[in-house]
Amino acid sequence: MPHEGVTPGGSGDAAYSDRRFRDVDLVDYSQPGFAVVYTDGPVPAGGAELTIRSGAARSRLDPPQAALGSGGTIVVRNATSEPHVVSFPAAGYVASLAPGEKAELAVPEPGELQLFLLDEPGVEARLFASPGPFSVAARTGGFALYDLAPGRHELRVWHPRFPTASRWVELPADGVVEVELAVGVQIGREGEDR
């Protein structure tokens, strides 16, 4: 997270002219970005759709992150004018998709999954297959889970860069519970409270 009053420089600034850092992206950790809040329970139906799109320098997978229920299906469409080799290691899938072609891939298990374009080094999508009801957090971090049974639930957060966070909540029969969950890392010196 940038220090207060400090504006990050751009790629043209002399301080950032070291070519070794040309592909480094600045990350604002005050806005966590894509995160999934989930709990155990009946797995929702549905799936995720990814599209291979042409870019200025290379093709990309759009969106680069997605969430779905663990019994769902991932649809990958090639919207480019060239074939691309798609790899989905969790299902043992590797195949070339012709322009306009699509593949439907069953999700074999819950958890973090990755999908790669093997002909485009570094191009991948990260997916999270939830073992139960889930919500993708808004850009601001807000989320809502609906139709959960009354009782005790462990809410967990999956984030592509941070460790998983969790919190137990007691859900009343006729009410709403507001919960704060925090993801991130705390950095301190050895022996200090973190």
N, C-alpha and C. Protein backbone atom coordinates (compact mmCIF):
# COMPACT_ATOMS: atom_id res chain seq x y z
N MET A 1 0.86 -1.16 0.00
CA MET A 1 0.00 0.00 0.00
C MET A 1 0.90 1.23 0.00
N PRO A 2 0.62 2.17 -0.87
CA PRO A 2 1.47 3.36 -0.90
C PRO A 2 1.36 4.15 0.40
N HIS A 3 2.44 4.81 0.79
CA HIS A 3 2.41 5.67 1.96
C HIS A 3 1.58 6.90 1.66
N GLU A 4 0.95 7.43 2.69
CA GLU A 4 0.11 8.61 2.51
C GLU A 4 0.94 9.75 1.94
N GLY A 5 0.39 10.39 0.92
CA GLY A 5 1.06 11.53 0.31
C GLY A 5 2.08 11.17 -0.76
N VAL A 6 2.33 9.86 -0.97
CA VAL A 6 3.29 9.44 -1.98
C VAL A 6 2.54 8.96 -3.21
N THR A 7 2.86 9.53 -4.35
CA THR A 7 2.23 9.13 -5.60
C THR A 7 3.18 8.18 -6.32
N PRO A 8 2.72 6.95 -6.63
CA PRO A 8 3.59 6.02 -7.34
C PRO A 8 4.00 6.60 -8.69
N GLY A 9 5.23 6.38 -9.06
CA GLY A 9 5.73 6.86 -10.33
C GLY A 9 5.26 6.01 -11.49
N GLY A 10 5.49 6.47 -12.67
CA GLY A 10 5.12 5.74 -13.87
C GLY A 10 6.32 5.08 -14.51
N SER A 11 6.07 4.36 -15.59
CA SER A 11 7.15 3.63 -16.25
C SER A 11 8.18 4.56 -16.88
N GLY A 12 7.81 5.83 -17.12
CA GLY A 12 8.75 6.77 -17.73
C GLY A 12 9.62 7.50 -16.72
N ASP A 13 9.34 7.34 -15.43
CA ASP A 13 10.14 8.01 -14.40
C ASP A 13 11.53 7.39 -14.31
N ALA A 14 12.54 8.24 -14.05
CA ALA A 14 13.92 7.77 -13.97
C ALA A 14 14.10 6.72 -12.87
N ALA A 15 13.36 6.86 -11.77
CA ALA A 15 13.48 5.91 -10.67
C ALA A 15 12.99 4.52 -11.06
N TYR A 16 12.15 4.46 -12.08
CA TYR A 16 11.59 3.18 -12.51
C TYR A 16 12.13 2.75 -13.87
N SER A 17 13.30 3.23 -14.23
CA SER A 17 13.83 2.93 -15.55
C SER A 17 14.63 1.64 -15.61
N ASP A 18 14.76 0.92 -14.50
CA ASP A 18 15.45 -0.36 -14.51
C ASP A 18 14.59 -1.37 -15.27
N ARG A 19 15.08 -1.86 -16.39
CA ARG A 19 14.31 -2.74 -17.27
C ARG A 19 13.91 -4.05 -16.60
N ARG A 20 14.61 -4.45 -15.54
CA ARG A 20 14.25 -5.69 -14.84
C ARG A 20 12.86 -5.59 -14.22
N PHE A 21 12.39 -4.36 -13.99
CA PHE A 21 11.10 -4.16 -13.34
C PHE A 21 10.01 -3.69 -14.30
N ARG A 22 10.23 -3.84 -15.61
CA ARG A 22 9.28 -3.32 -16.59
C ARG A 22 7.91 -4.01 -16.52
N ASP A 23 7.84 -5.28 -16.07
CA ASP A 23 6.58 -6.00 -16.01
C ASP A 23 5.94 -5.99 -14.62
N VAL A 24 6.52 -5.24 -13.68
CA VAL A 24 6.00 -5.21 -12.32
C VAL A 24 4.74 -4.35 -12.28
N ASP A 25 3.69 -4.89 -11.67
CA ASP A 25 2.46 -4.15 -11.46
C ASP A 25 2.42 -3.65 -10.02
N LEU A 26 2.05 -2.38 -9.84
CA LEU A 26 1.86 -1.85 -8.50
C LEU A 26 0.50 -2.34 -8.00
N VAL A 27 0.43 -2.78 -6.75
CA VAL A 27 -0.79 -3.31 -6.17
C VAL A 27 -1.20 -2.43 -5.00
N ASP A 28 -2.44 -1.99 -5.01
CA ASP A 28 -3.00 -1.22 -3.90
C ASP A 28 -3.67 -2.21 -2.96
N TYR A 29 -3.00 -2.57 -1.88
CA TYR A 29 -3.51 -3.59 -0.97
C TYR A 29 -4.66 -3.09 -0.10
N SER A 30 -5.01 -1.80 -0.20
CA SER A 30 -6.18 -1.33 0.52
C SER A 30 -7.46 -1.75 -0.18
N GLN A 31 -7.37 -2.18 -1.44
CA GLN A 31 -8.50 -2.73 -2.19
C GLN A 31 -8.08 -4.11 -2.66
N PRO A 32 -8.56 -5.16 -1.99
CA PRO A 32 -8.04 -6.49 -2.24
C PRO A 32 -8.34 -7.06 -3.62
N GLY A 33 -9.31 -6.52 -4.33
CA GLY A 33 -9.65 -7.06 -5.64
C GLY A 33 -10.45 -8.35 -5.50
N PHE A 34 -10.26 -9.28 -6.42
CA PHE A 34 -11.07 -10.50 -6.49
C PHE A 34 -10.87 -11.36 -5.25
N ALA A 35 -11.97 -11.68 -4.57
CA ALA A 35 -11.95 -12.56 -3.41
C ALA A 35 -13.29 -13.27 -3.35
N VAL A 36 -13.30 -14.49 -2.80
CA VAL A 36 -14.52 -15.29 -2.70
C VAL A 36 -14.77 -15.61 -1.23
N VAL A 37 -15.98 -15.30 -0.76
CA VAL A 37 -16.41 -15.65 0.60
C VAL A 37 -17.33 -16.85 0.45
N TYR A 38 -17.07 -17.90 1.24
CA TYR A 38 -17.84 -19.13 1.06
C TYR A 38 -18.01 -19.87 2.39
N THR A 39 -18.89 -20.85 2.38
CA THR A 39 -19.12 -21.72 3.52
C THR A 39 -19.48 -23.10 2.99
N ASP A 40 -19.52 -24.08 3.87
CA ASP A 40 -19.93 -25.41 3.47
C ASP A 40 -21.45 -25.46 3.36
N GLY A 41 -21.94 -26.39 2.59
CA GLY A 41 -23.38 -26.55 2.43
C GLY A 41 -23.68 -27.04 1.04
N PRO A 42 -24.95 -26.96 0.65
CA PRO A 42 -25.31 -27.40 -0.70
C PRO A 42 -24.54 -26.59 -1.75
N VAL A 43 -23.92 -27.28 -2.68
CA VAL A 43 -23.12 -26.60 -3.72
C VAL A 43 -24.06 -26.00 -4.76
N PRO A 44 -23.94 -24.72 -5.03
CA PRO A 44 -24.81 -24.10 -6.02
C PRO A 44 -24.47 -24.58 -7.43
N ALA A 45 -25.50 -24.68 -8.25
CA ALA A 45 -25.28 -25.07 -9.65
C ALA A 45 -24.68 -23.89 -10.39
N GLY A 46 -24.26 -24.14 -11.59
CA GLY A 46 -23.74 -23.05 -12.41
C GLY A 46 -22.31 -23.31 -12.83
N GLY A 47 -21.71 -22.29 -13.38
CA GLY A 47 -20.36 -22.45 -13.87
C GLY A 47 -19.71 -21.11 -14.10
N ALA A 48 -18.65 -21.15 -14.87
CA ALA A 48 -17.89 -19.94 -15.21
C ALA A 48 -17.60 -19.98 -16.70
N GLU A 49 -17.52 -18.82 -17.29
CA GLU A 49 -17.21 -18.73 -18.71
C GLU A 49 -15.97 -17.87 -18.89
N LEU A 50 -14.98 -18.42 -19.60
CA LEU A 50 -13.75 -17.71 -19.92
C LEU A 50 -13.66 -17.57 -21.43
N THR A 51 -13.15 -16.43 -21.88
CA THR A 51 -13.00 -16.19 -23.31
C THR A 51 -11.55 -15.88 -23.62
N ILE A 52 -11.02 -16.52 -24.65
CA ILE A 52 -9.68 -16.21 -25.14
C ILE A 52 -9.84 -15.03 -26.09
N ARG A 53 -9.19 -13.92 -25.77
CA ARG A 53 -9.31 -12.70 -26.58
C ARG A 53 -7.94 -12.26 -27.07
N SER A 54 -7.93 -11.59 -28.22
CA SER A 54 -6.70 -11.03 -28.76
C SER A 54 -6.37 -9.76 -28.00
N GLY A 55 -5.09 -9.56 -27.72
CA GLY A 55 -4.62 -8.34 -27.08
C GLY A 55 -3.60 -7.65 -27.96
N ALA A 56 -3.12 -6.51 -27.53
CA ALA A 56 -2.14 -5.75 -28.30
C ALA A 56 -0.84 -6.53 -28.47
N ALA A 57 -0.36 -7.16 -27.38
CA ALA A 57 0.91 -7.89 -27.43
C ALA A 57 0.72 -9.39 -27.53
N ARG A 58 -0.34 -9.90 -26.87
CA ARG A 58 -0.59 -11.33 -26.88
C ARG A 58 -2.04 -11.58 -26.50
N SER A 59 -2.46 -12.81 -26.66
CA SER A 59 -3.83 -13.16 -26.28
C SER A 59 -3.94 -13.22 -24.76
N ARG A 60 -5.18 -13.18 -24.26
CA ARG A 60 -5.42 -13.21 -22.82
C ARG A 60 -6.68 -14.02 -22.54
N LEU A 61 -6.82 -14.44 -21.29
CA LEU A 61 -8.04 -15.09 -20.82
C LEU A 61 -8.87 -14.05 -20.08
N ASP A 62 -10.13 -13.96 -20.44
CA ASP A 62 -11.00 -12.94 -19.87
C ASP A 62 -12.27 -13.60 -19.33
N PRO A 63 -12.57 -13.46 -18.05
CA PRO A 63 -11.83 -12.75 -17.01
C PRO A 63 -10.64 -13.58 -16.53
N PRO A 64 -9.66 -12.95 -15.89
CA PRO A 64 -8.50 -13.69 -15.40
C PRO A 64 -8.78 -14.45 -14.10
N GLN A 65 -9.94 -14.17 -13.46
CA GLN A 65 -10.34 -14.85 -12.22
C GLN A 65 -11.84 -15.09 -12.28
N ALA A 66 -12.26 -16.23 -11.71
CA ALA A 66 -13.69 -16.54 -11.67
C ALA A 66 -13.97 -17.49 -10.52
N ALA A 67 -15.23 -17.55 -10.12
CA ALA A 67 -15.65 -18.47 -9.06
C ALA A 67 -16.88 -19.24 -9.54
N LEU A 68 -17.01 -20.47 -9.05
CA LEU A 68 -18.13 -21.32 -9.40
C LEU A 68 -18.28 -22.39 -8.34
N GLY A 69 -19.40 -23.11 -8.37
CA GLY A 69 -19.60 -24.22 -7.46
C GLY A 69 -18.75 -25.41 -7.89
N SER A 70 -18.33 -26.24 -6.93
CA SER A 70 -17.39 -27.32 -7.24
C SER A 70 -17.95 -28.37 -8.18
N GLY A 71 -19.25 -28.44 -8.37
CA GLY A 71 -19.82 -29.39 -9.32
C GLY A 71 -20.10 -28.76 -10.67
N GLY A 72 -19.65 -27.54 -10.87
CA GLY A 72 -19.98 -26.78 -12.07
C GLY A 72 -19.11 -27.10 -13.28
N THR A 73 -19.31 -26.31 -14.31
CA THR A 73 -18.61 -26.49 -15.58
C THR A 73 -17.96 -25.17 -15.99
N ILE A 74 -16.75 -25.26 -16.51
CA ILE A 74 -16.05 -24.10 -17.06
C ILE A 74 -16.17 -24.18 -18.57
N VAL A 75 -16.66 -23.11 -19.18
CA VAL A 75 -16.73 -23.02 -20.64
C VAL A 75 -15.62 -22.09 -21.09
N VAL A 76 -14.78 -22.56 -22.00
CA VAL A 76 -13.69 -21.75 -22.55
C VAL A 76 -13.97 -21.55 -24.03
N ARG A 77 -14.09 -20.30 -24.47
CA ARG A 77 -14.37 -19.97 -25.88
C ARG A 77 -13.15 -19.27 -26.48
N ASN A 78 -12.80 -19.66 -27.70
CA ASN A 78 -11.71 -19.02 -28.41
C ASN A 78 -12.30 -17.95 -29.33
N ALA A 79 -12.21 -16.69 -28.94
CA ALA A 79 -12.74 -15.57 -29.73
C ALA A 79 -11.66 -14.92 -30.58
N THR A 80 -10.53 -15.59 -30.75
CA THR A 80 -9.45 -15.03 -31.58
C THR A 80 -9.50 -15.65 -32.98
N SER A 81 -8.63 -15.20 -33.84
CA SER A 81 -8.57 -15.73 -35.21
C SER A 81 -7.50 -16.82 -35.34
N GLU A 82 -6.92 -17.24 -34.22
CA GLU A 82 -5.88 -18.27 -34.25
C GLU A 82 -6.20 -19.37 -33.24
N PRO A 83 -5.71 -20.58 -33.48
CA PRO A 83 -5.92 -21.65 -32.50
C PRO A 83 -5.06 -21.42 -31.26
N HIS A 84 -5.53 -21.92 -30.11
CA HIS A 84 -4.78 -21.82 -28.86
C HIS A 84 -4.86 -23.14 -28.12
N VAL A 85 -3.78 -23.48 -27.42
CA VAL A 85 -3.72 -24.72 -26.65
C VAL A 85 -4.11 -24.41 -25.21
N VAL A 86 -5.19 -25.05 -24.76
CA VAL A 86 -5.74 -24.84 -23.42
C VAL A 86 -5.35 -26.02 -22.54
N SER A 87 -4.88 -25.72 -21.33
CA SER A 87 -4.53 -26.75 -20.35
C SER A 87 -5.30 -26.50 -19.06
N PHE A 88 -6.01 -27.54 -18.59
CA PHE A 88 -6.72 -27.50 -17.32
C PHE A 88 -6.24 -28.70 -16.52
N PRO A 89 -5.10 -28.56 -15.81
CA PRO A 89 -4.45 -29.70 -15.14
C PRO A 89 -5.36 -30.44 -14.16
N ALA A 90 -6.25 -29.76 -13.46
CA ALA A 90 -7.10 -30.42 -12.46
C ALA A 90 -7.96 -31.52 -13.07
N ALA A 91 -8.29 -31.38 -14.35
CA ALA A 91 -9.11 -32.39 -15.02
C ALA A 91 -8.30 -33.20 -16.03
N GLY A 92 -6.98 -32.99 -16.08
CA GLY A 92 -6.15 -33.71 -17.04
C GLY A 92 -6.47 -33.35 -18.48
N TYR A 93 -6.84 -32.11 -18.73
CA TYR A 93 -7.28 -31.67 -20.06
C TYR A 93 -6.21 -30.82 -20.73
N VAL A 94 -5.85 -31.18 -21.96
CA VAL A 94 -5.00 -30.36 -22.82
C VAL A 94 -5.53 -30.55 -24.24
N ALA A 95 -5.87 -29.44 -24.89
CA ALA A 95 -6.39 -29.53 -26.26
C ALA A 95 -6.22 -28.19 -26.96
N SER A 96 -6.19 -28.25 -28.27
CA SER A 96 -6.13 -27.05 -29.08
C SER A 96 -7.56 -26.64 -29.43
N LEU A 97 -7.86 -25.35 -29.23
CA LEU A 97 -9.17 -24.82 -29.59
C LEU A 97 -9.02 -23.97 -30.84
N ALA A 98 -9.74 -24.32 -31.88
CA ALA A 98 -9.73 -23.56 -33.12
C ALA A 98 -10.48 -22.25 -32.93
N PRO A 99 -10.27 -21.28 -33.82
CA PRO A 99 -11.03 -20.03 -33.71
C PRO A 99 -12.53 -20.32 -33.69
N GLY A 100 -13.25 -19.69 -32.75
CA GLY A 100 -14.68 -19.88 -32.63
C GLY A 100 -15.10 -21.14 -31.88
N GLU A 101 -14.16 -22.02 -31.57
CA GLU A 101 -14.49 -23.27 -30.87
C GLU A 101 -14.57 -23.04 -29.36
N LYS A 102 -15.33 -23.93 -28.69
CA LYS A 102 -15.42 -23.84 -27.23
C LYS A 102 -15.21 -25.22 -26.63
N ALA A 103 -14.81 -25.24 -25.36
CA ALA A 103 -14.64 -26.48 -24.61
C ALA A 103 -15.42 -26.34 -23.31
N GLU A 104 -16.10 -27.41 -22.90
CA GLU A 104 -16.81 -27.45 -21.63
C GLU A 104 -16.06 -28.40 -20.72
N LEU A 105 -15.57 -27.88 -19.58
CA LEU A 105 -14.71 -28.64 -18.69
C LEU A 105 -15.38 -28.81 -17.33
N ALA A 106 -15.54 -30.05 -16.91
CA ALA A 106 -16.13 -30.33 -15.60
C ALA A 106 -15.11 -30.06 -14.51
N VAL A 107 -15.57 -29.46 -13.42
CA VAL A 107 -14.70 -29.16 -12.28
C VAL A 107 -14.66 -30.40 -11.39
N PRO A 108 -13.48 -31.01 -11.23
CA PRO A 108 -13.41 -32.28 -10.49
C PRO A 108 -13.43 -32.17 -8.97
N GLU A 109 -13.07 -31.02 -8.43
CA GLU A 109 -12.93 -30.90 -6.98
C GLU A 109 -12.99 -29.44 -6.55
N PRO A 110 -13.35 -29.20 -5.28
CA PRO A 110 -13.35 -27.81 -4.81
C PRO A 110 -11.93 -27.30 -4.57
N GLY A 111 -11.80 -25.97 -4.54
CA GLY A 111 -10.51 -25.36 -4.25
C GLY A 111 -10.02 -24.49 -5.39
N GLU A 112 -8.76 -24.07 -5.28
CA GLU A 112 -8.15 -23.22 -6.30
C GLU A 112 -7.77 -24.05 -7.51
N LEU A 113 -8.10 -23.53 -8.69
CA LEU A 113 -7.80 -24.20 -9.95
C LEU A 113 -7.14 -23.20 -10.89
N GLN A 114 -6.35 -23.71 -11.83
CA GLN A 114 -5.73 -22.83 -12.81
C GLN A 114 -5.98 -23.38 -14.21
N LEU A 115 -6.13 -22.46 -15.14
CA LEU A 115 -6.31 -22.80 -16.55
C LEU A 115 -5.27 -22.00 -17.32
N PHE A 116 -4.58 -22.64 -18.24
CA PHE A 116 -3.44 -22.02 -18.94
C PHE A 116 -3.64 -22.01 -20.44
N LEU A 117 -3.06 -21.02 -21.12
CA LEU A 117 -2.87 -21.05 -22.57
C LEU A 117 -1.41 -21.45 -22.76
N LEU A 118 -1.17 -22.67 -23.19
CA LEU A 118 0.20 -23.17 -23.29
C LEU A 118 1.01 -22.50 -24.40
N ASP A 119 0.34 -21.98 -25.43
CA ASP A 119 1.05 -21.32 -26.52
C ASP A 119 1.32 -19.84 -26.23
N GLU A 120 0.84 -19.35 -25.10
CA GLU A 120 1.07 -17.96 -24.68
C GLU A 120 1.66 -17.99 -23.28
N PRO A 121 2.99 -18.04 -23.13
CA PRO A 121 3.62 -18.13 -21.81
C PRO A 121 3.13 -17.04 -20.85
N GLY A 122 2.78 -17.47 -19.65
CA GLY A 122 2.35 -16.53 -18.62
C GLY A 122 0.87 -16.19 -18.65
N VAL A 123 0.12 -16.69 -19.63
CA VAL A 123 -1.31 -16.40 -19.70
C VAL A 123 -2.07 -17.51 -18.98
N GLU A 124 -2.78 -17.13 -17.92
CA GLU A 124 -3.53 -18.10 -17.13
C GLU A 124 -4.73 -17.44 -16.51
N ALA A 125 -5.67 -18.26 -16.05
CA ALA A 125 -6.82 -17.79 -15.28
C ALA A 125 -6.82 -18.57 -13.98
N ARG A 126 -7.15 -17.91 -12.88
CA ARG A 126 -7.27 -18.57 -11.58
C ARG A 126 -8.74 -18.65 -11.25
N LEU A 127 -9.15 -19.85 -10.88
CA LEU A 127 -10.54 -20.08 -10.56
C LEU A 127 -10.66 -20.64 -9.15
N PHE A 128 -11.80 -20.37 -8.52
CA PHE A 128 -12.06 -20.98 -7.23
C PHE A 128 -13.37 -21.72 -7.31
N ALA A 129 -13.31 -23.03 -7.02
CA ALA A 129 -14.50 -23.88 -6.99
C ALA A 129 -14.92 -24.03 -5.53
N SER A 130 -16.06 -23.46 -5.20
CA SER A 130 -16.52 -23.43 -3.82
C SER A 130 -17.19 -24.74 -3.42
N PRO A 131 -16.96 -25.21 -2.18
CA PRO A 131 -17.61 -26.42 -1.70
C PRO A 131 -19.04 -26.17 -1.22
N GLY A 132 -19.51 -24.94 -1.29
CA GLY A 132 -20.85 -24.60 -0.82
C GLY A 132 -21.24 -23.22 -1.29
N PRO A 133 -22.25 -22.62 -0.68
CA PRO A 133 -22.69 -21.28 -1.08
C PRO A 133 -21.52 -20.29 -1.03
N PHE A 134 -21.49 -19.36 -2.01
CA PHE A 134 -20.38 -18.41 -2.08
C PHE A 134 -20.85 -17.08 -2.62
N SER A 135 -20.00 -16.08 -2.43
CA SER A 135 -20.23 -14.74 -2.95
C SER A 135 -18.88 -14.18 -3.38
N VAL A 136 -18.83 -13.57 -4.56
CA VAL A 136 -17.62 -12.88 -4.98
C VAL A 136 -17.68 -11.48 -4.38
N ALA A 137 -16.66 -11.12 -3.63
CA ALA A 137 -16.64 -9.81 -2.97
C ALA A 137 -16.58 -8.69 -4.00
N ALA A 138 -17.28 -7.61 -3.69
CA ALA A 138 -17.24 -6.42 -4.54
C ALA A 138 -15.86 -5.79 -4.46
N ARG A 139 -15.59 -4.87 -5.35
CA ARG A 139 -14.29 -4.19 -5.36
C ARG A 139 -13.97 -3.55 -4.00
N THR A 140 -14.99 -3.09 -3.31
CA THR A 140 -14.82 -2.46 -2.01
C THR A 140 -14.67 -3.49 -0.89
N GLY A 141 -14.89 -4.77 -1.20
CA GLY A 141 -14.76 -5.82 -0.19
C GLY A 141 -16.09 -6.31 0.35
N GLY A 142 -17.20 -5.68 0.00
CA GLY A 142 -18.51 -6.09 0.49
C GLY A 142 -18.96 -7.41 -0.14
N PHE A 143 -19.75 -8.17 0.61
CA PHE A 143 -20.28 -9.45 0.11
C PHE A 143 -21.59 -9.75 0.80
N ALA A 144 -22.37 -10.68 0.24
CA ALA A 144 -23.62 -11.12 0.85
C ALA A 144 -23.86 -12.58 0.49
N LEU A 145 -24.19 -13.38 1.49
CA LEU A 145 -24.59 -14.77 1.28
C LEU A 145 -26.05 -14.88 1.68
N TYR A 146 -26.86 -15.50 0.82
CA TYR A 146 -28.30 -15.59 1.06
C TYR A 146 -28.73 -17.03 1.28
N ASP A 147 -29.88 -17.19 1.93
CA ASP A 147 -30.54 -18.48 2.09
C ASP A 147 -29.71 -19.52 2.83
N LEU A 148 -28.89 -19.09 3.78
CA LEU A 148 -28.16 -20.04 4.60
C LEU A 148 -29.08 -20.54 5.71
N ALA A 149 -28.93 -21.79 6.09
CA ALA A 149 -29.72 -22.36 7.17
C ALA A 149 -29.32 -21.71 8.50
N PRO A 150 -30.27 -21.57 9.41
CA PRO A 150 -29.91 -21.05 10.74
C PRO A 150 -28.89 -21.97 11.41
N GLY A 151 -28.07 -21.40 12.28
CA GLY A 151 -27.08 -22.18 13.01
C GLY A 151 -25.69 -21.64 12.83
N ARG A 152 -24.74 -22.45 13.20
CA ARG A 152 -23.32 -22.06 13.19
C ARG A 152 -22.70 -22.36 11.82
N HIS A 153 -22.02 -21.36 11.27
CA HIS A 153 -21.37 -21.48 9.96
C HIS A 153 -19.94 -20.93 10.05
N GLU A 154 -19.04 -21.59 9.37
CA GLU A 154 -17.68 -21.05 9.25
C GLU A 154 -17.59 -20.36 7.90
N LEU A 155 -17.42 -19.04 7.93
CA LEU A 155 -17.23 -18.27 6.70
C LEU A 155 -15.73 -18.22 6.42
N ARG A 156 -15.38 -18.49 5.17
CA ARG A 156 -13.97 -18.45 4.77
C ARG A 156 -13.81 -17.53 3.57
N VAL A 157 -12.62 -16.97 3.43
CA VAL A 157 -12.32 -16.09 2.30
C VAL A 157 -11.15 -16.69 1.53
N TRP A 158 -11.32 -16.82 0.21
CA TRP A 158 -10.22 -17.22 -0.66
C TRP A 158 -9.82 -16.00 -1.48
N HIS A 159 -8.52 -15.76 -1.54
CA HIS A 159 -7.95 -14.66 -2.32
C HIS A 159 -6.75 -15.22 -3.07
N PRO A 160 -6.54 -14.82 -4.32
CA PRO A 160 -5.43 -15.40 -5.09
C PRO A 160 -4.03 -15.08 -4.57
N ARG A 161 -3.89 -14.01 -3.74
CA ARG A 161 -2.55 -13.65 -3.25
C ARG A 161 -2.37 -13.78 -1.75
N PHE A 162 -3.46 -13.84 -0.99
CA PHE A 162 -3.37 -13.85 0.46
C PHE A 162 -3.74 -15.20 1.04
N PRO A 163 -3.30 -15.47 2.28
CA PRO A 163 -3.74 -16.69 2.96
C PRO A 163 -5.24 -16.64 3.23
N THR A 164 -5.84 -17.82 3.34
CA THR A 164 -7.26 -17.92 3.62
C THR A 164 -7.55 -17.37 5.02
N ALA A 165 -8.67 -16.68 5.15
CA ALA A 165 -9.13 -16.18 6.44
C ALA A 165 -10.47 -16.83 6.74
N SER A 166 -10.81 -16.98 8.03
CA SER A 166 -12.10 -17.57 8.37
C SER A 166 -12.64 -16.98 9.66
N ARG A 167 -13.94 -17.19 9.84
CA ARG A 167 -14.61 -16.71 11.06
C ARG A 167 -15.90 -17.48 11.24
N TRP A 168 -16.16 -17.88 12.47
CA TRP A 168 -17.40 -18.58 12.79
C TRP A 168 -18.48 -17.55 13.08
N VAL A 169 -19.71 -17.80 12.59
CA VAL A 169 -20.85 -16.93 12.88
C VAL A 169 -22.05 -17.79 13.27
N GLU A 170 -22.88 -17.25 14.12
CA GLU A 170 -24.13 -17.91 14.52
C GLU A 170 -25.26 -17.17 13.80
N LEU A 171 -25.96 -17.88 12.93
CA LEU A 171 -27.01 -17.27 12.13
C LEU A 171 -28.37 -17.56 12.76
N PRO A 172 -29.11 -16.52 13.19
CA PRO A 172 -30.42 -16.74 13.80
C PRO A 172 -31.44 -17.18 12.76
N ALA A 173 -32.57 -17.73 13.22
CA ALA A 173 -33.59 -18.24 12.31
C ALA A 173 -34.24 -17.14 11.48
N ASP A 174 -34.36 -15.96 12.00
CA ASP A 174 -35.06 -14.89 11.27
C ASP A 174 -34.29 -13.58 11.32
N GLY A 175 -33.05 -13.62 10.88
CA GLY A 175 -32.29 -12.40 10.96
C GLY A 175 -31.13 -12.35 9.98
N VAL A 176 -30.44 -11.25 10.07
CA VAL A 176 -29.27 -11.00 9.24
C VAL A 176 -28.10 -10.76 10.17
N VAL A 177 -26.95 -11.28 9.79
CA VAL A 177 -25.74 -11.06 10.58
C VAL A 177 -24.74 -10.29 9.73
N GLU A 178 -24.21 -9.22 10.30
CA GLU A 178 -23.18 -8.45 9.62
C GLU A 178 -21.83 -8.92 10.14
N VAL A 179 -20.93 -9.27 9.23
CA VAL A 179 -19.64 -9.86 9.59
C VAL A 179 -18.52 -9.11 8.89
N GLU A 180 -17.43 -8.89 9.60
CA GLU A 180 -16.22 -8.34 8.99
C GLU A 180 -15.18 -9.43 8.91
N LEU A 181 -14.63 -9.62 7.72
CA LEU A 181 -13.54 -10.58 7.51
C LEU A 181 -12.37 -9.80 6.93
N ALA A 182 -11.17 -10.11 7.37
CA ALA A 182 -9.98 -9.43 6.86
C ALA A 182 -9.03 -10.45 6.26
N VAL A 183 -8.52 -10.14 5.07
CA VAL A 183 -7.49 -10.96 4.45
C VAL A 183 -6.24 -10.12 4.33
N GLY A 184 -5.11 -10.76 4.39
CA GLY A 184 -3.85 -10.05 4.26
C GLY A 184 -2.77 -10.74 5.05
N VAL A 185 -1.68 -10.09 5.15
CA VAL A 185 -0.56 -10.60 5.93
C VAL A 185 -0.09 -9.49 6.84
N GLN A 186 0.42 -9.89 7.98
CA GLN A 186 1.01 -8.92 8.89
C GLN A 186 2.50 -9.17 8.90
N ILE A 187 3.24 -8.10 8.76
CA ILE A 187 4.69 -8.22 8.72
C ILE A 187 5.25 -7.59 9.98
N GLY A 188 6.08 -8.32 10.66
CA GLY A 188 6.70 -7.82 11.87
C GLY A 188 8.02 -8.52 12.07
N ARG A 189 8.74 -8.09 13.07
CA ARG A 189 10.03 -8.73 13.37
C ARG A 189 9.78 -9.96 14.21
N GLU A 190 10.69 -10.89 14.12
CA GLU A 190 10.59 -12.12 14.88
C GLU A 190 10.47 -11.80 16.36
N GLY A 191 9.50 -12.44 17.03
CA GLY A 191 9.31 -12.23 18.45
C GLY A 191 8.29 -11.15 18.78
N GLU A 192 7.91 -10.31 17.78
CA GLU A 192 6.92 -9.28 18.00
C GLU A 192 5.53 -9.85 17.80
N ASP A 193 4.54 -9.26 18.48
CA ASP A 193 3.17 -9.64 18.22
C ASP A 193 2.80 -9.21 16.82
N ARG A 194 2.07 -10.07 16.14
CA ARG A 194 1.67 -9.75 14.76
C ARG A 194 0.20 -9.62 14.65
